[in-house]
Amino acid sequence: MKYKIIFFVVLSFSISISVMLLIYISFPEQVNDTGQNHEFYFKKFDQKKERIFLIGSSHIGMLNTTLVNEIVSKNHPSIEVYNLAIGGDNPINRLQHMERTIALKPKLIVYGISFRDFQLDSGDEHFPLPDPKKIIKIINYNFLSEPLNTFNPELNTLRIIRDHFKDSEIFTKNRPPPPKAIWLKNNVFMPIPDYQTDIRTTEQLKEQAEFLTQSGFFKYYSTTTQVKALRDIISSLQKNNINIILYTTPLNQYYLNKISENDKEDFNLMINGIALEFNIPLYDFTYKYSDDMIWTDVSHVSYNKNTMIYSEDIAQIIVDKIEQ
């Protein structure tokens, strides 16, 4: 009996790892030049201008950086805003960039963060089977100096959704021919993908949320490794006299409906605790536009002329901080 149990445990491990690797091979991550040696970190800036950086995941990448710059520079022409968002970013990944970022001496950093930033490492108490790539990632953060290329569950899940539905009504109904990916002037690491310029209908968003639920996408884990990395980021900025603002990125109602109340409470306690610990401003955008028709998917505001409220609000936060 004991050997049968061992056999089935080993078999379960083998199947889980095989499925993970199959998904990784079938839906590889997009490779962008977002490393520490990116040319942006060696750019010669106008010495008459001060810099403000927006950092975080693709949630921040959807901001209209051009509009943010226009609003900020209207009354503060010596300020220039750059969007350093990286698709699939999280605190561990972002920490690898902080030495280069600090060297550019920004006046202010605005860091957008959400549940998804804390669901990408293992959190052993939540995962019945270990993910080897996630374990390597944690070991790398704690013991090594150079980052590894990592498997990104969020990006791959979203890519699977897009490919799965690409010929179905959810992504094609009433859709005009898609434009090419949009590179905004001050977007450093990522363009606006063409499929994220549309505004989805309520039914499309509901269907997407259900699909994501089946994949286990809405699990939130307040992992100590990611929280430690976030604290290290804030601490390193403050030691270098760089101001930082935190804000929780906006999410659609159908995303929020799938997150348990306990998870929401845990996240709020964690992020509010960090803001109090470091005495930094925290803006809660989580529910701000949850019911509005401005979404390209359940976690991204569309890049669209009718969805500029998100960019306008972030610009106003920056203006208010400058004028304090």
Protein backbone atom coordinates (compact mmCIF):
# COMPACT_ATOMS: atom_id res chain seq x y z
CA MET A 1 0.00 0.00 0.00
CA LYS A 2 2.85 2.37 0.96
CA TYR A 3 4.56 1.85 -2.40
CA LYS A 4 1.32 2.55 -4.26
CA ILE A 5 0.99 5.89 -2.45
CA ILE A 6 4.60 6.77 -3.28
CA PHE A 7 4.03 5.77 -6.90
CA PHE A 8 0.96 8.00 -7.26
CA VAL A 9 2.66 10.94 -5.52
CA VAL A 10 5.61 10.67 -7.94
CA LEU A 11 3.18 10.30 -10.84
CA SER A 12 1.29 13.44 -9.74
CA PHE A 13 4.52 15.41 -9.58
CA SER A 14 5.53 14.19 -13.01
CA ILE A 15 2.20 15.07 -14.59
CA SER A 16 2.12 18.53 -12.98
CA ILE A 17 5.65 19.40 -14.09
CA SER A 18 5.00 18.02 -17.58
CA VAL A 19 1.84 20.12 -17.97
CA MET A 20 3.69 23.22 -16.76
CA LEU A 21 6.52 22.69 -19.23
CA LEU A 22 4.06 21.96 -22.05
CA ILE A 23 2.30 25.28 -21.42
CA TYR A 24 5.64 27.06 -21.18
CA ILE A 25 6.79 25.61 -24.51
CA SER A 26 3.43 26.13 -26.25
CA PHE A 27 2.94 29.69 -25.00
CA PRO A 28 6.41 31.17 -24.44
CA GLU A 29 6.82 34.60 -22.92
CA GLN A 30 7.38 37.55 -25.17
CA VAL A 31 11.00 38.57 -24.84
CA ASN A 32 11.50 42.31 -24.44
CA ASP A 33 14.78 44.07 -23.79
CA THR A 34 13.90 45.07 -20.24
CA GLY A 35 17.16 44.12 -18.53
CA GLN A 36 19.47 46.19 -16.41
CA ASN A 37 21.55 47.05 -19.47
CA HIS A 38 18.68 48.61 -21.40
CA GLU A 39 19.79 51.74 -23.24
CA PHE A 40 17.41 53.90 -21.20
CA TYR A 41 19.63 53.49 -18.14
CA PHE A 42 22.49 55.12 -20.06
CA LYS A 43 20.46 57.89 -21.67
CA LYS A 44 21.71 61.47 -21.51
CA PHE A 45 18.84 63.50 -20.10
CA ASP A 46 18.18 67.20 -20.41
CA GLN A 47 19.91 68.62 -17.32
CA LYS A 48 17.27 71.34 -17.08
CA LYS A 49 14.50 68.82 -16.50
CA GLU A 50 13.64 66.59 -13.55
CA ARG A 51 12.35 63.07 -14.06
CA ILE A 52 9.35 61.22 -12.68
CA PHE A 53 9.04 57.47 -13.25
CA LEU A 54 5.93 55.33 -13.36
CA ILE A 55 6.78 51.73 -12.44
CA GLY A 56 4.90 48.45 -12.16
CA SER A 57 3.28 45.86 -14.42
CA SER A 58 1.22 46.15 -17.62
CA HIS A 59 -1.52 47.70 -15.46
CA ILE A 60 0.68 50.80 -15.48
CA GLY A 61 1.78 50.18 -19.06
CA MET A 62 -1.76 51.00 -20.24
CA LEU A 63 -1.47 54.61 -19.08
CA ASN A 64 -1.31 57.28 -21.77
CA THR A 65 2.14 58.58 -20.87
CA THR A 66 1.89 61.31 -23.49
CA LEU A 67 -1.25 62.70 -21.85
CA VAL A 68 0.26 62.39 -18.36
CA ASN A 69 3.26 64.40 -19.57
CA GLU A 70 1.04 67.07 -21.12
CA ILE A 71 -0.95 67.55 -17.92
CA VAL A 72 2.10 67.62 -15.65
CA SER A 73 4.21 69.87 -17.88
CA LYS A 74 1.36 72.36 -18.39
CA ASN A 75 2.22 74.04 -15.09
CA HIS A 76 5.57 72.36 -14.49
CA PRO A 77 7.51 72.45 -17.77
CA SER A 78 10.73 71.35 -16.06
CA ILE A 79 9.20 67.92 -15.27
CA GLU A 80 9.20 64.95 -17.63
CA VAL A 81 7.37 61.66 -16.94
CA TYR A 82 8.64 58.27 -18.14
CA ASN A 83 6.68 55.03 -18.00
CA LEU A 84 8.96 52.16 -16.92
CA ALA A 85 6.19 49.53 -16.75
CA ILE A 86 7.22 45.95 -17.54
CA GLY A 87 4.69 43.30 -18.53
CA GLY A 88 4.35 40.71 -15.75
CA ASP A 89 6.38 42.79 -13.30
CA ASN A 90 6.38 42.15 -9.56
CA PRO A 91 8.47 43.46 -6.63
CA ILE A 92 11.18 40.77 -6.94
CA ASN A 93 11.67 41.53 -10.64
CA ARG A 94 11.51 45.30 -10.09
CA LEU A 95 14.10 45.17 -7.32
CA GLN A 96 16.66 43.99 -9.88
CA HIS A 97 16.26 47.36 -11.66
CA MET A 98 16.48 49.64 -8.64
CA GLU A 99 20.22 50.31 -8.66
CA ARG A 100 20.03 51.50 -12.28
CA THR A 101 16.78 53.40 -11.62
CA ILE A 102 18.17 55.22 -8.59
CA ALA A 103 21.29 56.18 -10.55
CA LEU A 104 19.05 58.25 -12.86
CA LYS A 105 18.06 60.40 -9.85
CA PRO A 106 14.30 60.68 -10.40
CA LYS A 107 12.44 63.32 -8.45
CA LEU A 108 9.53 60.98 -7.79
CA ILE A 109 8.52 57.38 -8.42
CA VAL A 110 4.87 56.39 -8.72
CA TYR A 111 4.48 52.65 -8.12
CA GLY A 112 1.24 50.92 -9.16
CA ILE A 113 0.62 47.60 -7.45
CA SER A 114 -2.19 45.08 -7.07
CA PHE A 115 -3.14 41.53 -6.08
CA ARG A 116 -1.32 40.09 -9.10
CA ASP A 117 2.01 41.36 -7.80
CA PHE A 118 1.77 38.89 -4.93
CA GLN A 119 0.60 35.74 -6.68
CA LEU A 120 3.72 34.89 -8.67
CA ASP A 121 5.93 33.12 -6.13
CA SER A 122 5.35 29.83 -4.45
CA GLY A 123 3.89 30.49 -0.98
CA ASP A 124 4.40 26.86 0.03
CA GLU A 125 1.43 26.76 2.38
CA HIS A 126 -0.91 27.41 -0.58
CA PHE A 127 0.56 25.18 -3.27
CA PRO A 128 0.19 21.39 -2.92
CA LEU A 129 2.82 20.82 -5.64
CA PRO A 130 5.98 22.92 -6.00
CA ASP A 131 6.69 24.88 -9.15
CA PRO A 132 10.42 24.41 -9.95
CA LYS A 133 10.72 27.70 -11.86
CA LYS A 134 9.16 29.62 -8.96
CA ILE A 135 11.50 27.93 -6.49
CA ILE A 136 14.49 28.89 -8.65
CA LYS A 137 13.18 32.44 -8.75
CA ILE A 138 13.00 32.67 -4.94
CA ILE A 139 16.44 31.10 -4.49
CA ASN A 140 17.80 33.55 -7.05
CA TYR A 141 16.33 36.53 -5.18
CA ASN A 142 17.61 35.45 -1.79
CA PHE A 143 21.08 34.16 -2.69
CA LEU A 144 22.22 35.30 -6.14
CA SER A 145 23.09 38.68 -7.57
CA GLU A 146 21.93 38.21 -11.17
CA PRO A 147 18.26 37.67 -12.19
CA LEU A 148 17.18 34.57 -14.09
CA ASN A 149 14.73 34.35 -16.97
CA THR A 150 11.51 33.29 -15.26
CA PHE A 151 8.25 31.71 -16.29
CA ASN A 152 5.47 34.28 -15.98
CA PRO A 153 2.08 32.71 -15.16
CA GLU A 154 0.07 35.91 -15.67
CA LEU A 155 1.44 36.76 -19.10
CA ASN A 156 1.14 33.18 -20.28
CA THR A 157 -2.42 32.85 -18.95
CA LEU A 158 -3.49 36.04 -20.72
CA ARG A 159 -1.76 34.87 -23.89
CA ILE A 160 -3.59 31.54 -23.71
CA ILE A 161 -6.90 33.41 -23.35
CA ARG A 162 -6.16 35.61 -26.33
CA ASP A 163 -5.17 32.66 -28.51
CA HIS A 164 -8.08 30.54 -27.30
CA PHE A 165 -10.66 33.21 -28.09
CA LYS A 166 -9.01 34.85 -31.09
CA ASP A 167 -11.51 33.38 -33.57
CA SER A 168 -14.54 33.52 -31.30
CA GLU A 169 -17.11 36.24 -30.83
CA ILE A 170 -15.64 37.41 -27.53
CA PHE A 171 -12.71 39.10 -29.28
CA THR A 172 -14.05 39.63 -32.78
CA LYS A 173 -17.60 40.97 -32.49
CA ASN A 174 -17.83 44.58 -33.72
CA ARG A 175 -14.05 44.82 -33.80
CA PRO A 176 -12.40 46.99 -36.48
CA PRO A 177 -9.08 45.96 -38.06
CA PRO A 178 -6.53 46.19 -35.23
CA PRO A 179 -3.82 48.85 -35.32
CA LYS A 180 -0.19 48.00 -34.85
CA ALA A 181 1.30 48.03 -31.37
CA ILE A 182 1.71 51.60 -30.15
CA TRP A 183 5.03 52.85 -28.82
CA LEU A 184 4.47 56.07 -26.88
CA LYS A 185 7.39 58.46 -26.73
CA ASN A 186 8.16 58.04 -23.04
CA ASN A 187 7.18 54.38 -22.70
CA VAL A 188 10.53 52.72 -22.09
CA PHE A 189 10.02 48.96 -21.93
CA MET A 190 6.65 48.05 -23.42
CA PRO A 191 4.30 49.21 -26.18
CA ILE A 192 0.51 49.23 -26.02
CA PRO A 193 -0.57 45.92 -27.62
CA ASP A 194 -3.07 46.26 -30.46
CA TYR A 195 -5.60 43.93 -28.80
CA GLN A 196 -5.73 46.22 -25.75
CA THR A 197 -7.09 49.26 -27.57
CA ASP A 198 -10.66 47.91 -27.68
CA ILE A 199 -13.29 48.40 -24.99
CA ARG A 200 -14.95 45.07 -24.14
CA THR A 201 -18.65 44.59 -23.52
CA THR A 202 -20.07 43.42 -20.21
CA GLU A 203 -20.71 39.96 -21.63
CA GLN A 204 -17.16 39.66 -22.94
CA LEU A 205 -15.73 40.61 -19.55
CA LYS A 206 -18.02 38.16 -17.75
CA GLU A 207 -16.99 35.35 -20.08
CA GLN A 208 -13.33 36.17 -19.64
CA ALA A 209 -13.66 36.19 -15.84
CA GLU A 210 -15.26 32.75 -15.93
CA PHE A 211 -12.50 31.41 -18.16
CA LEU A 212 -9.87 32.79 -15.79
CA THR A 213 -11.66 31.28 -12.79
CA GLN A 214 -11.32 27.81 -14.30
CA SER A 215 -7.56 28.33 -14.58
CA GLY A 216 -7.20 29.30 -10.90
CA PHE A 217 -6.10 32.79 -11.92
CA PHE A 218 -7.80 34.63 -9.04
CA LYS A 219 -5.82 33.09 -6.20
CA TYR A 220 -4.05 35.76 -4.14
CA TYR A 221 -1.09 34.88 -1.94
CA SER A 222 0.43 37.45 0.40
CA THR A 223 3.88 35.91 0.07
CA THR A 224 6.64 37.10 2.35
CA THR A 225 9.20 37.06 -0.48
CA GLN A 226 7.35 39.59 -2.62
CA VAL A 227 6.47 41.74 0.43
CA LYS A 228 10.12 41.76 1.48
CA ALA A 229 11.13 42.86 -2.03
CA LEU A 230 8.57 45.70 -1.96
CA ARG A 231 9.93 46.88 1.39
CA ASP A 232 13.49 46.71 0.02
CA ILE A 233 12.47 48.84 -2.99
CA ILE A 234 10.88 51.53 -0.83
CA SER A 235 13.75 51.50 1.64
CA SER A 236 16.38 51.89 -1.10
CA LEU A 237 14.48 54.84 -2.62
CA GLN A 238 14.10 56.61 0.71
CA LYS A 239 17.79 56.11 1.53
CA ASN A 240 18.55 57.94 -1.71
CA ASN A 241 16.08 60.75 -0.95
CA ILE A 242 13.72 59.76 -3.76
CA ASN A 243 10.02 60.35 -3.09
CA ILE A 244 7.64 57.46 -3.75
CA ILE A 245 3.88 57.21 -4.10
CA LEU A 246 2.07 53.87 -3.99
CA TYR A 247 -1.27 53.28 -5.62
CA THR A 248 -3.36 50.17 -6.07
CA THR A 249 -4.16 49.71 -9.74
CA PRO A 250 -7.79 49.68 -10.96
CA LEU A 251 -9.60 46.39 -11.59
CA ASN A 252 -12.85 45.48 -13.28
CA GLN A 253 -15.84 44.42 -11.17
CA TYR A 254 -15.78 40.88 -12.57
CA TYR A 255 -12.16 40.48 -11.51
CA LEU A 256 -12.92 41.82 -8.04
CA ASN A 257 -15.96 39.56 -7.67
CA LYS A 258 -13.70 36.52 -8.04
CA ILE A 259 -11.32 37.49 -5.23
CA SER A 260 -12.36 36.28 -1.79
CA GLU A 261 -13.14 38.81 0.93
CA ASN A 262 -10.36 37.31 3.07
CA ASP A 263 -7.85 37.85 0.29
CA LYS A 264 -9.00 41.44 -0.18
CA GLU A 265 -8.69 42.08 3.55
CA ASP A 266 -5.22 40.50 3.70
CA PHE A 267 -4.03 42.59 0.75
CA ASN A 268 -5.40 45.83 2.20
CA LEU A 269 -3.83 45.18 5.59
CA MET A 270 -0.49 44.42 3.97
CA ILE A 271 -0.34 47.41 1.60
CA ASN A 272 -1.71 49.90 4.17
CA GLY A 273 0.74 48.57 6.72
CA ILE A 274 3.66 49.18 4.36
CA ALA A 275 2.45 52.71 3.58
CA LEU A 276 2.25 53.50 7.30
CA GLU A 277 5.60 51.84 8.04
CA PHE A 278 7.42 54.01 5.50
CA ASN A 279 5.16 57.07 5.84
CA ILE A 280 4.38 57.28 2.13
CA PRO A 281 1.16 58.24 0.31
CA LEU A 282 -1.12 55.41 -0.79
CA TYR A 283 -3.97 55.93 -3.27
CA ASP A 284 -6.64 53.26 -3.62
CA PHE A 285 -7.68 52.89 -7.27
CA THR A 286 -8.81 49.26 -6.94
CA TYR A 287 -12.55 50.00 -7.23
CA LYS A 288 -12.32 53.46 -8.79
CA TYR A 289 -13.54 52.52 -12.29
CA SER A 290 -14.70 48.95 -11.61
CA ASP A 291 -18.18 49.51 -13.10
CA ASP A 292 -17.14 51.86 -15.91
CA MET A 293 -17.09 50.78 -19.55
CA ILE A 294 -13.38 51.38 -20.05
CA TRP A 295 -11.92 47.85 -19.91
CA THR A 296 -10.00 45.87 -22.52
CA ASP A 297 -9.96 42.87 -20.15
CA VAL A 298 -10.82 42.32 -16.50
CA SER A 299 -7.50 43.71 -15.21
CA HIS A 300 -6.47 46.31 -17.83
CA VAL A 301 -8.02 49.66 -18.64
CA SER A 302 -8.13 50.00 -22.41
CA TYR A 303 -5.79 52.37 -24.21
CA ASN A 304 -8.55 54.28 -25.94
CA LYS A 305 -9.61 57.91 -26.41
CA ASN A 306 -12.66 57.20 -24.24
CA THR A 307 -10.69 55.83 -21.29
CA MET A 308 -8.34 58.69 -20.49
CA ILE A 309 -9.79 59.20 -16.99
CA TYR A 310 -7.21 56.76 -15.58
CA SER A 311 -4.27 58.68 -17.07
CA GLU A 312 -5.79 62.02 -16.04
CA ASP A 313 -6.17 60.89 -12.42
CA ILE A 314 -2.58 59.62 -12.20
CA ALA A 315 -1.35 62.89 -13.71
CA GLN A 316 -3.29 64.84 -11.08
CA ILE A 317 -1.69 62.82 -8.27
CA ILE A 318 1.71 63.77 -9.67
CA VAL A 319 0.76 67.45 -9.96
CA ASP A 320 -0.56 67.49 -6.38
CA LYS A 321 2.68 65.94 -5.09
CA ILE A 322 4.85 68.45 -6.96
CA GLU A 323 2.84 71.35 -5.57
CA GLN A 324 2.89 70.22 -1.94
